[in-house]
Amino acid sequence: MTAEEFEAAFHGIELPAEIELGPGAVIKDVPLFLQKELTILKTSNHPRIKEPVAYRLALVLEIIKAKEL
């Protein structure tokens, strides 16, 4: 997904204050995390930087949507 697609996917979703991506990987400020990761995705041109960022954003989106069910 592109940065714009992630922005659209997160638009209107109620974000938790904190989220656990995995054991020992806790995001304490989800809105700030999203802002930083989306900025990196928009400004970086290198796949080795963009791929892990996109992976983390997709994982956060998946976790949030799973909790909505």
Protein backbone atom coordinates (compact mmCIF):
# COMPACT_ATOMS: atom_id res chain seq x y z
CA MET A 1 0.00 0.00 0.00
CA THR A 2 1.06 3.57 -0.58
CA ALA A 3 1.15 6.24 2.11
CA GLU A 4 -2.07 7.69 0.71
CA GLU A 5 -3.79 4.30 0.83
CA PHE A 6 -2.72 3.83 4.45
CA GLU A 7 -3.98 7.34 5.29
CA ALA A 8 -7.34 6.49 3.75
CA ALA A 9 -7.47 3.16 5.61
CA PHE A 10 -6.78 4.81 8.97
CA HIS A 11 -9.12 7.75 8.33
CA GLY A 12 -12.12 7.67 10.62
CA ILE A 13 -10.87 4.74 12.70
CA GLU A 14 -10.82 5.21 16.44
CA LEU A 15 -7.19 4.68 17.40
CA PRO A 16 -6.25 3.07 20.69
CA ALA A 17 -3.83 4.98 22.89
CA GLU A 18 -1.49 1.99 22.93
CA ILE A 19 -1.12 -1.19 20.90
CA GLU A 20 1.03 -4.32 21.15
CA LEU A 21 2.52 -5.48 17.85
CA GLY A 22 4.08 -8.54 19.40
CA PRO A 23 5.90 -9.70 22.51
CA GLY A 24 7.94 -6.76 23.76
CA ALA A 25 6.87 -4.48 20.88
CA VAL A 26 4.43 -1.95 22.29
CA ILE A 27 3.50 1.34 20.66
CA LYS A 28 2.74 3.76 23.48
CA ASP A 29 1.38 6.60 21.30
CA VAL A 30 -0.43 5.20 18.24
CA PRO A 31 -1.35 8.55 16.60
CA LEU A 32 2.26 9.75 16.84
CA PHE A 33 3.54 6.41 15.54
CA LEU A 34 1.23 6.63 12.52
CA GLN A 35 2.27 10.20 11.80
CA LYS A 36 5.97 9.31 11.89
CA GLU A 37 5.63 6.10 9.88
CA LEU A 38 3.50 7.78 7.19
CA THR A 39 6.05 10.58 6.90
CA ILE A 40 8.83 8.04 6.41
CA LEU A 41 6.76 6.19 3.82
CA LYS A 42 6.07 9.43 1.92
CA THR A 43 9.62 10.78 1.95
CA SER A 44 11.78 7.70 1.53
CA ASN A 45 12.67 6.32 -1.86
CA HIS A 46 14.55 3.24 -0.69
CA PRO A 47 12.70 -0.11 -0.54
CA ARG A 48 14.76 -1.30 2.44
CA ILE A 49 13.27 1.56 4.43
CA LYS A 50 9.75 1.55 2.98
CA GLU A 51 9.05 -2.19 3.25
CA PRO A 52 9.37 -2.50 7.06
CA VAL A 53 7.40 0.71 7.54
CA ALA A 54 4.58 -0.57 5.32
CA TYR A 55 4.67 -3.91 7.16
CA ARG A 56 4.30 -2.20 10.56
CA LEU A 57 1.46 0.01 9.31
CA ALA A 58 -0.37 -2.99 7.85
CA LEU A 59 0.10 -4.88 11.11
CA VAL A 60 -1.30 -2.01 13.17
CA LEU A 61 -4.27 -1.72 10.81
CA GLU A 62 -4.90 -5.47 11.03
CA ILE A 63 -4.77 -5.45 14.84
CA ILE A 64 -7.13 -2.48 15.10
CA LYS A 65 -9.63 -4.00 12.65
CA ALA A 66 -9.49 -7.36 14.47
CA LYS A 67 -10.39 -5.62 17.75
CA GLU A 68 -13.38 -3.93 16.10
CA LEU A 69 -15.04 -7.29 15.34
